[in-house]
Amino acid sequence: MCVLLLQQTKTAWRTCFYLGGAVFAFGTIIYSIFGSGEVQPWAVQPKSEELQAFSEAAKEKDREKDKEVEKGLKEV
C-alpha cells in the first residue's frame, strides 16, 4: 500500500481505502464462516463449592508460608 501512496493522488488514496476495506471485509467473512460463539470450557466460572475449596487451599498455603517466614525471622 505504501507504494500506492507515493503518488499522493486522489486515485491512489481511493485505491488504498478500497484495498484496506477489502482486507477488513475478507477477515469479517472468514470469521463469520469459521468463528464460533460457544463458551469454551476454560471460560466457565467454577461453581461456588469448587471456588471455596480453592480459596481454602490458597489460605492454607499462605499460612504455611507465613509460618516459614516467622521461623526464618526467629533464627536471625
Protein backbone atom coordinates (compact mmCIF):
# COMPACT_ATOMS: atom_id res chain seq x y z
CA MET A 1 0.00 0.00 0.00
CA CYS A 2 2.84 2.39 0.69
CA VAL A 3 3.90 2.20 -2.95
CA LEU A 4 0.44 3.39 -3.99
CA LEU A 5 0.67 6.46 -1.77
CA LEU A 6 3.95 7.65 -3.24
CA GLN A 7 1.91 9.39 -5.91
CA GLN A 8 -0.27 11.32 -3.39
CA THR A 9 -3.25 11.50 -5.75
CA LYS A 10 -6.94 11.02 -5.08
CA THR A 11 -6.88 7.83 -7.12
CA ALA A 12 -4.01 6.41 -5.05
CA TRP A 13 -5.79 7.26 -1.80
CA ARG A 14 -9.07 5.81 -3.09
CA THR A 15 -7.30 2.59 -4.09
CA CYS A 16 -5.64 2.40 -0.68
CA PHE A 17 -9.01 2.94 1.04
CA TYR A 18 -10.73 0.25 -1.04
CA LEU A 19 -7.85 -2.18 -0.52
CA GLY A 20 -8.00 -1.67 3.26
CA GLY A 21 -11.77 -2.14 3.20
CA ALA A 22 -11.38 -5.35 1.21
CA VAL A 23 -8.89 -6.73 3.74
CA PHE A 24 -11.28 -5.86 6.58
CA ALA A 25 -14.27 -7.41 4.75
CA PHE A 26 -12.27 -10.58 3.98
CA GLY A 27 -11.39 -11.00 7.67
CA THR A 28 -15.01 -10.46 8.66
CA ILE A 29 -16.24 -13.06 6.18
CA ILE A 30 -13.66 -15.64 7.29
CA TYR A 31 -14.59 -15.09 10.95
CA SER A 32 -18.30 -15.35 10.13
CA ILE A 33 -17.76 -18.68 8.41
CA PHE A 34 -15.28 -20.31 10.79
CA GLY A 35 -15.79 -18.40 14.05
CA SER A 36 -17.80 -19.75 16.94
CA GLY A 37 -19.73 -18.08 19.73
CA GLU A 38 -19.69 -21.11 22.01
CA VAL A 39 -18.37 -20.63 25.53
CA GLN A 40 -15.10 -22.52 25.94
CA PRO A 41 -14.51 -24.75 29.00
CA TRP A 42 -11.67 -22.52 30.25
CA ALA A 43 -14.03 -19.52 30.33
CA VAL A 44 -16.63 -21.12 32.61
CA GLN A 45 -16.55 -19.83 36.17
CA PRO A 46 -16.19 -22.64 38.72
CA LYS A 47 -19.10 -23.49 40.98
CA SER A 48 -19.11 -21.94 44.43
CA GLU A 49 -18.06 -25.23 46.10
CA GLU A 50 -15.03 -25.56 43.83
CA LEU A 51 -14.18 -21.91 44.35
CA GLN A 52 -14.47 -22.26 48.11
CA ALA A 53 -12.23 -25.34 48.13
CA PHE A 54 -9.66 -23.49 46.04
CA SER A 55 -9.87 -20.49 48.37
CA GLU A 56 -9.34 -22.66 51.45
CA ALA A 57 -6.34 -24.37 49.85
CA ALA A 58 -4.84 -20.97 48.98
CA LYS A 59 -5.38 -19.72 52.53
CA GLU A 60 -3.69 -22.82 53.96
CA LYS A 61 -0.74 -22.34 51.63
CA ASP A 62 -0.46 -18.70 52.76
CA ARG A 63 -0.49 -19.80 56.41
CA GLU A 64 2.34 -22.25 55.73
CA LYS A 65 4.40 -19.53 54.05
CA ASP A 66 3.77 -17.18 56.98
CA LYS A 67 5.00 -19.85 59.42
CA GLU A 68 8.16 -20.34 57.34
CA VAL A 69 8.81 -16.60 57.32
CA GLU A 70 8.28 -16.34 61.07
CA LYS A 71 10.60 -19.30 61.62
CA GLY A 72 13.24 -17.66 59.43
CA LEU A 73 12.96 -14.39 61.35
CA LYS A 74 13.35 -16.14 64.70
CA GLU A 75 16.55 -17.81 63.50
CA VAL A 76 18.10 -14.47 62.60
